[in-house]
């Protein structure tokens, strides 16, 4: 994999991870969402007017475009497992930016993912 292809793949992964963090920030501002027949429109407006959610959706859209470009250049058997880098980025981002707990078990799981990605990159 050359540097340009890696750039597209990692950019797609990072944009996807950023999208998740922004969506969570937006939902944190709204609170727990319960949709029913009488409030669906109000909830929809509430979701659609949250800037973090709008930003998250924009990141998703851009990540898909960048991902498709990267995917056109390498086998899916290499590209798709690399998405697990997003799990690492999300866990660290959620801990740092959202104050979520980073337990020892989660850190161990992240370590296993890193080993898996490293093995994949060597193949």
PDB file of N, CA and C in Angstrom:
ATOM      1  N   UNK A   1       0.859  -1.171   0.000  1.00  0.00           N
ATOM      2  CA  UNK A   1       0.000   0.000   0.000  1.00  0.00           C
ATOM      3  C   UNK A   1       0.907   1.236   0.000  1.00  0.00           C
ATOM      4  N   UNK A   2       0.678   2.126  -0.969  1.00  0.00           N
ATOM      5  CA  UNK A   2       1.503   3.333  -1.014  1.00  0.00           C
ATOM      6  C   UNK A   2       0.942   4.404  -0.076  1.00  0.00           C
ATOM      7  N   UNK A   3       1.701   5.484   0.076  1.00  0.00           N
ATOM      8  CA  UNK A   3       1.349   6.530   1.040  1.00  0.00           C
ATOM      9  C   UNK A   3       0.033   7.229   0.683  1.00  0.00           C
ATOM     10  N   UNK A   4      -0.240   7.418  -0.602  1.00  0.00           N
ATOM     11  CA  UNK A   4      -1.497   8.063  -0.998  1.00  0.00           C
ATOM     12  C   UNK A   4      -2.697   7.200  -0.637  1.00  0.00           C
ATOM     13  N   UNK A   5      -2.602   5.920  -0.925  1.00  0.00           N
ATOM     14  CA  UNK A   5      -3.695   5.003  -0.593  1.00  0.00           C
ATOM     15  C   UNK A   5      -3.894   4.950   0.909  1.00  0.00           C
ATOM     16  N   UNK A   6      -2.802   4.836   1.653  1.00  0.00           N
ATOM     17  CA  UNK A   6      -2.895   4.834   3.112  1.00  0.00           C
ATOM     18  C   UNK A   6      -3.540   6.130   3.608  1.00  0.00           C
ATOM     19  N   UNK A   7      -3.194   7.241   2.982  1.00  0.00           N
ATOM     20  CA  UNK A   7      -3.778   8.524   3.358  1.00  0.00           C
ATOM     21  C   UNK A   7      -5.288   8.544   3.198  1.00  0.00           C
ATOM     22  N   UNK A   8      -5.781   8.004   2.080  1.00  0.00           N
ATOM     23  CA  UNK A   8      -7.230   7.945   1.880  1.00  0.00           C
ATOM     24  C   UNK A   8      -7.889   7.035   2.911  1.00  0.00           C
ATOM     25  N   UNK A   9      -7.288   5.878   3.141  1.00  0.00           N
ATOM     26  CA  UNK A   9      -7.866   4.922   4.090  1.00  0.00           C
ATOM     27  C   UNK A   9      -7.903   5.511   5.498  1.00  0.00           C
ATOM     28  N   UNK A  10      -6.780   6.064   5.961  1.00  0.00           N
ATOM     29  CA  UNK A  10      -6.725   6.582   7.329  1.00  0.00           C
ATOM     30  C   UNK A  10      -7.604   7.819   7.479  1.00  0.00           C
ATOM     31  N   UNK A  11      -7.700   8.634   6.434  1.00  0.00           N
ATOM     32  CA  UNK A  11      -8.578   9.807   6.489  1.00  0.00           C
ATOM     33  C   UNK A  11     -10.033   9.360   6.603  1.00  0.00           C
ATOM     34  N   UNK A  12     -10.423   8.351   5.841  1.00  0.00           N
ATOM     35  CA  UNK A  12     -11.783   7.821   5.948  1.00  0.00           C
ATOM     36  C   UNK A  12     -12.073   7.294   7.336  1.00  0.00           C
ATOM     37  N   UNK A  13     -11.105   6.591   7.912  1.00  0.00           N
ATOM     38  CA  UNK A  13     -11.267   6.024   9.254  1.00  0.00           C
ATOM     39  C   UNK A  13     -11.391   7.134  10.295  1.00  0.00           C
ATOM     40  N   UNK A  14     -10.522   8.140  10.201  1.00  0.00           N
ATOM     41  CA  UNK A  14     -10.540   9.226  11.179  1.00  0.00           C
ATOM     42  C   UNK A  14     -11.813  10.075  11.061  1.00  0.00           C
ATOM     43  N   UNK A  15     -12.266  10.321   9.840  1.00  0.00           N
ATOM     44  CA  UNK A  15     -13.515  11.067   9.661  1.00  0.00           C
ATOM     45  C   UNK A  15     -14.698  10.289  10.235  1.00  0.00           C
ATOM     46  N   UNK A  16     -14.683   8.972  10.052  1.00  0.00           N
ATOM     47  CA  UNK A  16     -15.743   8.131  10.598  1.00  0.00           C
ATOM     48  C   UNK A  16     -15.727   8.191  12.132  1.00  0.00           C
ATOM     49  N   UNK A  17     -14.535   8.126  12.716  1.00  0.00           N
ATOM     50  CA  UNK A  17     -14.414   8.197  14.173  1.00  0.00           C
ATOM     51  C   UNK A  17     -14.867   9.563  14.686  1.00  0.00           C
ATOM     52  N   UNK A  18     -14.475  10.626  13.990  1.00  0.00           N
ATOM     53  CA  UNK A  18     -14.903  11.968  14.387  1.00  0.00           C
ATOM     54  C   UNK A  18     -16.422  12.084  14.296  1.00  0.00           C
ATOM     55  N   UNK A  19     -17.004  11.489  13.275  1.00  0.00           N
ATOM     56  CA  UNK A  19     -18.466  11.503  13.130  1.00  0.00           C
ATOM     57  C   UNK A  19     -19.125  10.895  14.365  1.00  0.00           C
ATOM     58  N   UNK A  20     -18.620   9.760  14.830  1.00  0.00           N
ATOM     59  CA  UNK A  20     -19.187   9.103  16.015  1.00  0.00           C
ATOM     60  C   UNK A  20     -19.116  10.008  17.240  1.00  0.00           C
ATOM     61  N   UNK A  21     -17.962  10.640  17.432  1.00  0.00           N
ATOM     62  CA  UNK A  21     -17.785  11.508  18.603  1.00  0.00           C
ATOM     63  C   UNK A  21     -18.716  12.716  18.542  1.00  0.00           C
ATOM     64  N   UNK A  22     -18.867  13.293  17.357  1.00  0.00           N
ATOM     65  CA  UNK A  22     -19.766  14.436  17.204  1.00  0.00           C
ATOM     66  C   UNK A  22     -21.222  14.035  17.411  1.00  0.00           C
ATOM     67  N   UNK A  23     -21.610  12.880  16.857  1.00  0.00           N
ATOM     68  CA  UNK A  23     -22.979  12.413  17.057  1.00  0.00           C
ATOM     69  C   UNK A  23     -23.267  12.186  18.542  1.00  0.00           C
ATOM     70  N   UNK A  24     -22.309  11.615  19.245  1.00  0.00           N
ATOM     71  CA  UNK A  24     -22.498  11.381  20.682  1.00  0.00           C
ATOM     72  C   UNK A  24     -22.583  12.698  21.443  1.00  0.00           C
ATOM     73  N   UNK A  25     -21.757  13.665  21.068  1.00  0.00           N
ATOM     74  CA  UNK A  25     -21.816  14.983  21.708  1.00  0.00           C
ATOM     75  C   UNK A  25     -23.193  15.612  21.489  1.00  0.00           C
ATOM     76  N   UNK A  26     -23.724  15.475  20.287  1.00  0.00           N
ATOM     77  CA  UNK A  26     -25.056  15.996  19.993  1.00  0.00           C
ATOM     78  C   UNK A  26     -26.144  15.303  20.777  1.00  0.00           C
ATOM     79  N   UNK A  27     -26.050  13.987  20.895  1.00  0.00           N
ATOM     80  CA  UNK A  27     -27.070  13.263  21.659  1.00  0.00           C
ATOM     81  C   UNK A  27     -26.945  13.542  23.153  1.00  0.00           C
ATOM     82  N   UNK A  28     -25.728  13.801  23.617  1.00  0.00           N
ATOM     83  CA  UNK A  28     -25.566  14.182  25.023  1.00  0.00           C
ATOM     84  C   UNK A  28     -26.291  15.491  25.312  1.00  0.00           C
ATOM     85  N   UNK A  29     -26.276  16.411  24.351  1.00  0.00           N
ATOM     86  CA  UNK A  29     -26.953  17.696  24.528  1.00  0.00           C
ATOM     87  C   UNK A  29     -28.472  17.524  24.559  1.00  0.00           C
ATOM     88  N   UNK A  30     -28.977  16.557  23.811  1.00  0.00           N
ATOM     89  CA  UNK A  30     -30.423  16.312  23.761  1.00  0.00           C
ATOM     90  C   UNK A  30     -30.879  15.502  24.965  1.00  0.00           C
ATOM     91  N   UNK A  31     -30.101  14.530  25.346  1.00  0.00           N
ATOM     92  CA  UNK A  31     -30.502  13.600  26.400  1.00  0.00           C
ATOM     93  C   UNK A  31     -31.009  12.317  25.766  1.00  0.00           C
ATOM     94  N   UNK A  32     -31.458  11.421  26.608  1.00  0.00           N
ATOM     95  CA  UNK A  32     -31.955  10.133  26.122  1.00  0.00           C
ATOM     96  C   UNK A  32     -33.171  10.371  25.230  1.00  0.00           C
ATOM     97  N   UNK A  33     -33.159   9.748  24.063  1.00  0.00           N
ATOM     98  CA  UNK A  33     -34.205   9.976  23.069  1.00  0.00           C
ATOM     99  C   UNK A  33     -35.249   8.866  23.136  1.00  0.00           C
ATOM    100  N   UNK A  34     -36.492   9.267  23.275  1.00  0.00           N
ATOM    101  CA  UNK A  34     -37.629   8.349  23.251  1.00  0.00           C
ATOM    102  C   UNK A  34     -38.611   8.872  22.214  1.00  0.00           C
ATOM    103  N   UNK A  35     -38.791   8.140  21.141  1.00  0.00           N
ATOM    104  CA  UNK A  35     -39.660   8.573  20.047  1.00  0.00           C
ATOM    105  C   UNK A  35     -40.982   7.824  20.117  1.00  0.00           C
ATOM    106  N   UNK A  36     -42.055   8.559  19.951  1.00  0.00           N
ATOM    107  CA  UNK A  36     -43.372   7.941  19.849  1.00  0.00           C
ATOM    108  C   UNK A  36     -44.205   8.721  18.836  1.00  0.00           C
ATOM    109  N   UNK A  37     -45.434   8.310  18.644  1.00  0.00           N
ATOM    110  CA  UNK A  37     -46.295   8.903  17.614  1.00  0.00           C
ATOM    111  C   UNK A  37     -46.553  10.386  17.849  1.00  0.00           C
ATOM    112  N   UNK A  38     -46.539  10.829  19.087  1.00  0.00           N
ATOM    113  CA  UNK A  38     -46.865  12.228  19.371  1.00  0.00           C
ATOM    114  C   UNK A  38     -45.652  13.166  19.382  1.00  0.00           C
ATOM    115  N   UNK A  39     -44.438  12.630  19.492  1.00  0.00           N
ATOM    116  CA  UNK A  39     -43.281  13.531  19.595  1.00  0.00           C
ATOM    117  C   UNK A  39     -42.241  13.351  18.494  1.00  0.00           C
ATOM    118  N   UNK A  40     -42.474  12.502  17.527  1.00  0.00           N
ATOM    119  CA  UNK A  40     -41.459  12.190  16.523  1.00  0.00           C
ATOM    120  C   UNK A  40     -41.000  13.430  15.769  1.00  0.00           C
ATOM    121  N   UNK A  41     -41.915  14.346  15.456  1.00  0.00           N
ATOM    122  CA  UNK A  41     -41.523  15.537  14.694  1.00  0.00           C
ATOM    123  C   UNK A  41     -40.655  16.454  15.555  1.00  0.00           C
ATOM    124  N   UNK A  42     -41.072  16.665  16.783  1.00  0.00           N
ATOM    125  CA  UNK A  42     -40.294  17.504  17.705  1.00  0.00           C
ATOM    126  C   UNK A  42     -38.891  16.929  17.920  1.00  0.00           C
ATOM    127  N   UNK A  43     -38.813  15.641  18.123  1.00  0.00           N
ATOM    128  CA  UNK A  43     -37.516  14.979  18.303  1.00  0.00           C
ATOM    129  C   UNK A  43     -36.668  15.136  17.041  1.00  0.00           C
ATOM    130  N   UNK A  44     -37.295  14.958  15.884  1.00  0.00           N
ATOM    131  CA  UNK A  44     -36.576  15.116  14.618  1.00  0.00           C
ATOM    132  C   UNK A  44     -35.996  16.511  14.458  1.00  0.00           C
ATOM    133  N   UNK A  45     -36.772  17.514  14.805  1.00  0.00           N
ATOM    134  CA  UNK A  45     -36.290  18.903  14.732  1.00  0.00           C
ATOM    135  C   UNK A  45     -35.151  19.115  15.724  1.00  0.00           C
ATOM    136  N   UNK A  46     -35.324  18.578  16.907  1.00  0.00           N
ATOM    137  CA  UNK A  46     -34.285  18.697  17.938  1.00  0.00           C
ATOM    138  C   UNK A  46     -32.968  18.085  17.451  1.00  0.00           C
ATOM    139  N   UNK A  47     -33.030  16.909  16.852  1.00  0.00           N
ATOM    140  CA  UNK A  47     -31.840  16.234  16.326  1.00  0.00           C
ATOM    141  C   UNK A  47     -31.255  17.028  15.165  1.00  0.00           C
ATOM    142  N   UNK A  48     -32.113  17.472  14.255  1.00  0.00           N
ATOM    143  CA  UNK A  48     -31.655  18.151  13.036  1.00  0.00           C
ATOM    144  C   UNK A  48     -31.048  19.519  13.299  1.00  0.00           C
ATOM    145  N   UNK A  49     -31.266  20.085  14.481  1.00  0.00           N
ATOM    146  CA  UNK A  49     -30.731  21.414  14.770  1.00  0.00           C
ATOM    147  C   UNK A  49     -29.523  21.392  15.704  1.00  0.00           C
ATOM    148  N   UNK A  50     -29.052  20.223  16.039  1.00  0.00           N
ATOM    149  CA  UNK A  50     -27.847  20.098  16.870  1.00  0.00           C
ATOM    150  C   UNK A  50     -26.611  20.193  15.972  1.00  0.00           C
ATOM    151  N   UNK A  51     -25.794  21.228  16.164  1.00  0.00           N
ATOM    152  CA  UNK A  51     -24.605  21.403  15.312  1.00  0.00           C
ATOM    153  C   UNK A  51     -23.654  20.217  15.364  1.00  0.00           C
ATOM    154  N   UNK A  52     -23.419  19.617  16.532  1.00  0.00           N
ATOM    155  CA  UNK A  52     -22.546  18.435  16.514  1.00  0.00           C
ATOM    156  C   UNK A  52     -23.104  17.294  15.656  1.00  0.00           C
ATOM    157  N   UNK A  53     -24.404  17.119  15.661  1.00  0.00           N
ATOM    158  CA  UNK A  53     -25.016  16.065  14.841  1.00  0.00           C
ATOM    159  C   UNK A  53     -24.883  16.413  13.361  1.00  0.00           C
ATOM    160  N   UNK A  54     -25.116  17.654  13.013  1.00  0.00           N
ATOM    161  CA  UNK A  54     -24.948  18.088  11.622  1.00  0.00           C
ATOM    162  C   UNK A  54     -23.503  17.868  11.186  1.00  0.00           C
ATOM    163  N   UNK A  55     -22.553  18.251  12.036  1.00  0.00           N
ATOM    164  CA  UNK A  55     -21.137  18.040  11.730  1.00  0.00           C
ATOM    165  C   UNK A  55     -20.790  16.567  11.616  1.00  0.00           C
ATOM    166  N   UNK A  56     -21.369  15.758  12.498  1.00  0.00           N
ATOM    167  CA  UNK A  56     -21.123  14.321  12.453  1.00  0.00           C
ATOM    168  C   UNK A  56     -21.624  13.704  11.155  1.00  0.00           C
ATOM    169  N   UNK A  57     -22.805  14.112  10.727  1.00  0.00           N
ATOM    170  CA  UNK A  57     -23.350  13.595   9.467  1.00  0.00           C
ATOM    171  C   UNK A  57     -22.500  14.041   8.270  1.00  0.00           C
ATOM    172  N   UNK A  58     -22.007  15.273   8.323  1.00  0.00           N
ATOM    173  CA  UNK A  58     -21.123  15.760   7.254  1.00  0.00           C
ATOM    174  C   UNK A  58     -19.826  14.943   7.218  1.00  0.00           C
ATOM    175  N   UNK A  59     -19.277  14.647   8.396  1.00  0.00           N
ATOM    176  CA  UNK A  59     -18.062  13.818   8.461  1.00  0.00           C
ATOM    177  C   UNK A  59     -18.326  12.428   7.897  1.00  0.00           C
ATOM    178  N   UNK A  60     -19.492  11.864   8.200  1.00  0.00           N
ATOM    179  CA  UNK A  60     -19.855  10.561   7.649  1.00  0.00           C
ATOM    180  C   UNK A  60     -19.884  10.602   6.129  1.00  0.00           C
ATOM    181  N   UNK A  61     -20.554  11.595   5.589  1.00  0.00           N
ATOM    182  CA  UNK A  61     -20.646  11.704   4.132  1.00  0.00           C
ATOM    183  C   UNK A  61     -19.286  11.809   3.487  1.00  0.00           C
ATOM    184  N   UNK A  62     -18.439  12.676   4.026  1.00  0.00           N
ATOM    185  CA  UNK A  62     -17.091  12.844   3.488  1.00  0.00           C
ATOM    186  C   UNK A  62     -16.267  11.575   3.669  1.00  0.00           C
ATOM    187  N   UNK A  63     -16.449  10.896   4.802  1.00  0.00           N
ATOM    188  CA  UNK A  63     -15.683   9.670   5.045  1.00  0.00           C
ATOM    189  C   UNK A  63     -16.023   8.597   4.016  1.00  0.00           C
ATOM    190  N   UNK A  64     -17.279   8.529   3.614  1.00  0.00           N
ATOM    191  CA  UNK A  64     -17.685   7.540   2.609  1.00  0.00           C
ATOM    192  C   UNK A  64     -16.996   7.820   1.276  1.00  0.00           C
ATOM    193  N   UNK A  65     -16.950   9.082   0.883  1.00  0.00           N
ATOM    194  CA  UNK A  65     -16.297   9.443  -0.386  1.00  0.00           C
ATOM    195  C   UNK A  65     -14.815   9.086  -0.349  1.00  0.00           C
ATOM    196  N   UNK A  66     -14.144   9.480   0.715  1.00  0.00           N
ATOM    197  CA  UNK A  66     -12.709   9.206   0.859  1.00  0.00           C
ATOM    198  C   UNK A  66     -12.467   7.700   0.944  1.00  0.00           C
ATOM    199  N   UNK A  67     -13.324   6.992   1.677  1.00  0.00           N
ATOM    200  CA  UNK A  67     -13.196   5.541   1.826  1.00  0.00           C
ATOM    201  C   UNK A  67     -13.325   4.836   0.486  1.00  0.00           C
ATOM    202  N   UNK A  68     -14.280   5.255  -0.336  1.00  0.00           N
ATOM    203  CA  UNK A  68     -14.467   4.637  -1.651  1.00  0.00           C
ATOM    204  C   UNK A  68     -13.214   4.806  -2.506  1.00  0.00           C
ATOM    205  N   UNK A  69     -12.611   5.976  -2.445  1.00  0.00           N
ATOM    206  CA  UNK A  69     -11.371   6.207  -3.204  1.00  0.00           C
ATOM    207  C   UNK A  69     -10.284   5.247  -2.721  1.00  0.00           C
ATOM    208  N   UNK A  70     -10.103   5.151  -1.402  1.00  0.00           N
ATOM    209  CA  UNK A  70      -9.097   4.234  -0.860  1.00  0.00           C
ATOM    210  C   UNK A  70      -9.416   2.790  -1.171  1.00  0.00           C
ATOM    211  N   UNK A  71     -10.682   2.421  -1.063  1.00  0.00           N
ATOM    212  CA  UNK A  71     -11.108   1.049  -1.307  1.00  0.00           C
ATOM    213  C   UNK A  71     -10.884   0.637  -2.763  1.00  0.00           C
ATOM    214  N   UNK A  72     -10.923   1.603  -3.664  1.00  0.00           N
ATOM    215  CA  UNK A  72     -10.688   1.282  -5.073  1.00  0.00           C
ATOM    216  C   UNK A  72      -9.239   0.898  -5.346  1.00  0.00           C
ATOM    217  N   UNK A  73      -8.371   1.120  -4.369  1.00  0.00           N
ATOM    218  CA  UNK A  73      -6.937   0.918  -4.573  1.00  0.00           C
ATOM    219  C   UNK A  73      -6.345  -0.281  -3.856  1.00  0.00           C
ATOM    220  N   UNK A  74      -7.077  -0.846  -2.886  1.00  0.00           N
ATOM    221  CA  UNK A  74      -6.549  -2.006  -2.151  1.00  0.00           C
ATOM    222  C   UNK A  74      -7.652  -3.035  -1.949  1.00  0.00           C
ATOM    223  N   UNK A  75      -7.276  -4.276  -1.688  1.00  0.00           N
ATOM    224  CA  UNK A  75      -8.286  -5.314  -1.458  1.00  0.00           C
ATOM    225  C   UNK A  75      -9.106  -5.023  -0.199  1.00  0.00           C
ATOM    226  N   UNK A  76     -10.358  -5.387  -0.238  1.00  0.00           N
ATOM    227  CA  UNK A  76     -11.236  -5.185   0.908  1.00  0.00           C
ATOM    228  C   UNK A  76     -10.767  -6.023   2.104  1.00  0.00           C
ATOM    229  N   UNK A  77     -10.066  -7.119   1.855  1.00  0.00           N
ATOM    230  CA  UNK A  77      -9.557  -7.951   2.952  1.00  0.00           C
ATOM    231  C   UNK A  77      -8.474  -7.232   3.752  1.00  0.00           C
ATOM    232  N   UNK A  78      -7.888  -6.193   3.191  1.00  0.00           N
ATOM    233  CA  UNK A  78      -6.932  -5.355   3.922  1.00  0.00           C
ATOM    234  C   UNK A  78      -7.655  -4.131   4.468  1.00  0.00           C
ATOM    235  N   UNK A  79      -8.446  -3.478   3.626  1.00  0.00           N
ATOM    236  CA  UNK A  79      -9.072  -2.215   4.006  1.00  0.00           C
ATOM    237  C   UNK A  79     -10.058  -2.369   5.159  1.00  0.00           C
ATOM    238  N   UNK A  80     -10.957  -3.327   5.063  1.00  0.00           N
ATOM    239  CA  UNK A  80     -12.029  -3.421   6.051  1.00  0.00           C
ATOM    240  C   UNK A  80     -11.506  -3.680   7.469  1.00  0.00           C
ATOM    241  N   UNK A  81     -10.581  -4.593   7.667  1.00  0.00           N
ATOM    242  CA  UNK A  81     -10.069  -4.765   9.032  1.00  0.00           C
ATOM    243  C   UNK A  81      -9.370  -3.522   9.586  1.00  0.00           C
ATOM    244  N   UNK A  82      -8.862  -2.662   8.704  1.00  0.00           N
ATOM    245  CA  UNK A  82      -8.227  -1.433   9.180  1.00  0.00           C
ATOM    246  C   UNK A  82      -9.228  -0.481   9.835  1.00  0.00           C
ATOM    247  N   UNK A  83     -10.511  -0.691   9.561  1.00  0.00           N
ATOM    248  CA  UNK A  83     -11.532   0.121  10.225  1.00  0.00           C
ATOM    249  C   UNK A  83     -11.458  -0.011  11.747  1.00  0.00           C
ATOM    250  N   UNK A  84     -10.854  -1.089  12.224  1.00  0.00           N
ATOM    251  CA  UNK A  84     -10.750  -1.270  13.673  1.00  0.00           C
ATOM    252  C   UNK A  84      -9.877  -0.193  14.316  1.00  0.00           C
ATOM    253  N   UNK A  85      -9.077   0.510  13.533  1.00  0.00           N
ATOM    254  CA  UNK A  85      -8.330   1.660  14.060  1.00  0.00           C
ATOM    255  C   UNK A  85      -9.322   2.692  14.602  1.00  0.00           C
ATOM    256  N   UNK A  86     -10.487   2.762  13.972  1.00  0.00           N
ATOM    257  CA  UNK A  86     -11.526   3.683  14.441  1.00  0.00           C
ATOM    258  C   UNK A  86     -11.980   3.374  15.856  1.00  0.00           C
ATOM    259  N   UNK A  87     -11.983   2.103  16.249  1.00  0.00           N
ATOM    260  CA  UNK A  87     -12.351   1.738  17.615  1.00  0.00           C
ATOM    261  C   UNK A  87     -11.377   2.360  18.614  1.00  0.00           C
ATOM    262  N   UNK A  88     -10.110   2.331  18.258  1.00  0.00           N
ATOM    263  CA  UNK A  88      -9.070   2.890  19.130  1.00  0.00           C
ATOM    264  C   UNK A  88      -9.249   4.398  19.238  1.00  0.00           C
ATOM    265  N   UNK A  89      -9.402   5.051  18.094  1.00  0.00           N
ATOM    266  CA  UNK A  89      -9.570   6.507  18.067  1.00  0.00           C
ATOM    267  C   UNK A  89     -10.821   6.907  18.846  1.00  0.00           C
ATOM    268  N   UNK A  90     -11.911   6.177  18.651  1.00  0.00           N
ATOM    269  CA  UNK A  90     -13.154   6.495  19.357  1.00  0.00           C
ATOM    270  C   UNK A  90     -13.020   6.310  20.862  1.00  0.00           C
ATOM    271  N   UNK A  91     -12.386   5.247  21.278  1.00  0.00           N
ATOM    272  CA  UNK A  91     -12.238   5.007  22.716  1.00  0.00           C
ATOM    273  C   UNK A  91     -11.412   6.112  23.365  1.00  0.00           C
ATOM    274  N   UNK A  92     -10.320   6.484  22.732  1.00  0.00           N
ATOM    275  CA  UNK A  92      -9.473   7.547  23.280  1.00  0.00           C
ATOM    276  C   UNK A  92     -10.204   8.894  23.224  1.00  0.00           C
ATOM    277  N   UNK A  93     -10.870   9.163  22.105  1.00  0.00           N
ATOM    278  CA  UNK A  93     -11.624  10.407  21.976  1.00  0.00           C
ATOM    279  C   UNK A  93     -12.765  10.509  22.973  1.00  0.00           C
ATOM    280  N   UNK A  94     -13.477   9.408  23.190  1.00  0.00           N
ATOM    281  CA  UNK A  94     -14.585   9.404  24.154  1.00  0.00           C
ATOM    282  C   UNK A  94     -14.067   9.634  25.570  1.00  0.00           C
ATOM    283  N   UNK A  95     -12.921   9.072  25.871  1.00  0.00           N
ATOM    284  CA  UNK A  95     -12.319   9.276  27.190  1.00  0.00           C
ATOM    285  C   UNK A  95     -11.860  10.728  27.344  1.00  0.00           C
ATOM    286  N   UNK A  96     -11.151  11.237  26.349  1.00  0.00           N
ATOM    287  CA  UNK A  96     -10.547  12.565  26.446  1.00  0.00           C
ATOM    288  C   UNK A  96     -11.571  13.690  26.310  1.00  0.00           C
ATOM    289  N   UNK A  97     -12.451  13.593  25.311  1.00  0.00           N
ATOM    290  CA  UNK A  97     -13.367  14.695  25.016  1.00  0.00           C
ATOM    291  C   UNK A  97     -14.726  14.582  25.695  1.00  0.00           C
ATOM    292  N   UNK A  98     -15.172  13.360  25.955  1.00  0.00           N
ATOM    293  CA  UNK A  98     -16.513  13.171  26.505  1.00  0.00           C
ATOM    294  C   UNK A  98     -16.503  12.698  27.959  1.00  0.00           C
ATOM    295  N   UNK A  99     -15.316  12.432  28.490  1.00  0.00           N
ATOM    296  CA  UNK A  99     -15.220  12.026  29.889  1.00  0.00           C
ATOM    297  C   UNK A  99     -15.689  10.612  30.174  1.00  0.00           C
ATOM    298  N   UNK A 100     -15.725   9.758  29.141  1.00  0.00           N
ATOM    299  CA  UNK A 100     -16.139   8.376  29.354  1.00  0.00           C
ATOM    300  C   UNK A 100     -15.024   7.591  30.042  1.00  0.00           C
ATOM    301  N   UNK A 101     -15.400   6.529  30.719  1.00  0.00           N
ATOM    302  CA  UNK A 101     -14.456   5.733  31.508  1.00  0.00           C
ATOM    303  C   UNK A 101     -13.592   4.859  30.597  1.00  0.00           C
ATOM    304  N   UNK A 102     -12.289   4.809  30.913  1.00  0.00           N
ATOM    305  CA  UNK A 102     -11.362   3.941  30.202  1.00  0.00           C
ATOM    306  C   UNK A 102     -10.849   2.912  31.211  1.00  0.00           C
ATOM    307  N   UNK A 103     -11.539   1.792  31.300  1.00  0.00           N
ATOM    308  CA  UNK A 103     -11.182   0.758  32.274  1.00  0.00           C
ATOM    309  C   UNK A 103      -9.994  -0.066  31.779  1.00  0.00           C
ATOM    310  N   UNK A 104      -9.429  -0.850  32.667  1.00  0.00           N
ATOM    311  CA  UNK A 104      -8.324  -1.733  32.310  1.00  0.00           C
ATOM    312  C   UNK A 104      -8.754  -2.723  31.234  1.00  0.00           C
ATOM    313  N   UNK A 105      -9.966  -3.257  31.350  1.00  0.00           N
ATOM    314  CA  UNK A 105     -10.471  -4.206  30.354  1.00  0.00           C
ATOM    315  C   UNK A 105     -10.558  -3.543  28.973  1.00  0.00           C
ATOM    316  N   UNK A 106     -11.012  -2.303  28.913  1.00  0.00           N
ATOM    317  CA  UNK A 106     -11.080  -1.592  27.629  1.00  0.00           C
ATOM    318  C   UNK A 106      -9.690  -1.339  27.061  1.00  0.00           C
ATOM    319  N   UNK A 107      -8.752  -0.990  27.945  1.00  0.00           N
ATOM    320  CA  UNK A 107      -7.373  -0.765  27.479  1.00  0.00           C
ATOM    321  C   UNK A 107      -6.772  -2.058  26.927  1.00  0.00           C
ATOM    322  N   UNK A 108      -7.040  -3.178  27.579  1.00  0.00           N
ATOM    323  CA  UNK A 108      -6.560  -4.475  27.082  1.00  0.00           C
ATOM    324  C   UNK A 108      -7.161  -4.791  25.712  1.00  0.00           C
ATOM    325  N   UNK A 109      -8.446  -4.529  25.560  1.00  0.00           N
ATOM    326  CA  UNK A 109      -9.122  -4.773  24.281  1.00  0.00           C
ATOM    327  C   UNK A 109      -8.500  -3.911  23.181  1.00  0.00           C
ATOM    328  N   UNK A 110      -8.195  -2.658  23.500  1.00  0.00           N
ATOM    329  CA  UNK A 110      -7.552  -1.773  22.528  1.00  0.00           C
ATOM    330  C   UNK A 110      -6.168  -2.312  22.166  1.00  0.00           C
ATOM    331  N   UNK A 111      -5.447  -2.814  23.145  1.00  0.00           N
ATOM    332  CA  UNK A 111      -4.137  -3.410  22.878  1.00  0.00           C
ATOM    333  C   UNK A 111      -4.233  -4.588  21.919  1.00  0.00           C
ATOM    334  N   UNK A 112      -5.249  -5.408  22.092  1.00  0.00           N
ATOM    335  CA  UNK A 112      -5.449  -6.558  21.196  1.00  0.00           C
ATOM    336  C   UNK A 112      -5.759  -6.072  19.783  1.00  0.00           C
ATOM    337  N   UNK A 113      -6.561  -5.026  19.675  1.00  0.00           N
ATOM    338  CA  UNK A 113      -6.865  -4.465  18.354  1.00  0.00           C
ATOM    339  C   UNK A 113      -5.589  -3.945  17.694  1.00  0.00           C
ATOM    340  N   UNK A 114      -4.749  -3.265  18.454  1.00  0.00           N
ATOM    341  CA  UNK A 114      -3.495  -2.731  17.899  1.00  0.00           C
ATOM    342  C   UNK A 114      -2.617  -3.868  17.388  1.00  0.00           C
ATOM    343  N   UNK A 115      -2.534  -4.954  18.146  1.00  0.00           N
ATOM    344  CA  UNK A 115      -1.743  -6.114  17.706  1.00  0.00           C
ATOM    345  C   UNK A 115      -2.329  -6.674  16.412  1.00  0.00           C
ATOM    346  N   UNK A 116      -3.646  -6.782  16.343  1.00  0.00           N
ATOM    347  CA  UNK A 116      -4.287  -7.282  15.137  1.00  0.00           C
ATOM    348  C   UNK A 116      -4.026  -6.421  13.921  1.00  0.00           C
ATOM    349  N   UNK A 117      -4.099  -5.112  14.081  1.00  0.00           N
ATOM    350  CA  UNK A 117      -3.831  -4.185  12.973  1.00  0.00           C
ATOM    351  C   UNK A 117      -2.379  -4.308  12.543  1.00  0.00           C
ATOM    352  N   UNK A 118      -1.471  -4.397  13.502  1.00  0.00           N
ATOM    353  CA  UNK A 118      -0.049  -4.542  13.169  1.00  0.00           C
ATOM    354  C   UNK A 118       0.212  -5.827  12.388  1.00  0.00           C
ATOM    355  N   UNK A 119      -0.409  -6.917  12.806  1.00  0.00           N
ATOM    356  CA  UNK A 119      -0.274  -8.188  12.073  1.00  0.00           C
ATOM    357  C   UNK A 119      -0.836  -8.071  10.661  1.00  0.00           C
ATOM    358  N   UNK A 120      -1.947  -7.415  10.534  1.00  0.00           N
ATOM    359  CA  UNK A 120      -2.570  -7.231   9.219  1.00  0.00           C
ATOM    360  C   UNK A 120      -1.659  -6.429   8.301  1.00  0.00           C
ATOM    361  N   UNK A 121      -1.070  -5.372   8.819  1.00  0.00           N
ATOM    362  CA  UNK A 121      -0.206  -4.510   8.001  1.00  0.00           C
ATOM    363  C   UNK A 121       1.063  -5.246   7.556  1.00  0.00           C
ATOM    364  N   UNK A 122       1.498  -6.225   8.313  1.00  0.00           N
ATOM    365  CA  UNK A 122       2.688  -6.999   7.936  1.00  0.00           C
ATOM    366  C   UNK A 122       2.391  -8.028   6.860  1.00  0.00           C
ATOM    367  N   UNK A 123       1.123  -8.377   6.690  1.00  0.00           N
ATOM    368  CA  UNK A 123       0.790  -9.446   5.731  1.00  0.00           C
ATOM    369  C   UNK A 123       0.888  -8.984   4.278  1.00  0.00           C
TER     370      UNK A 123
END
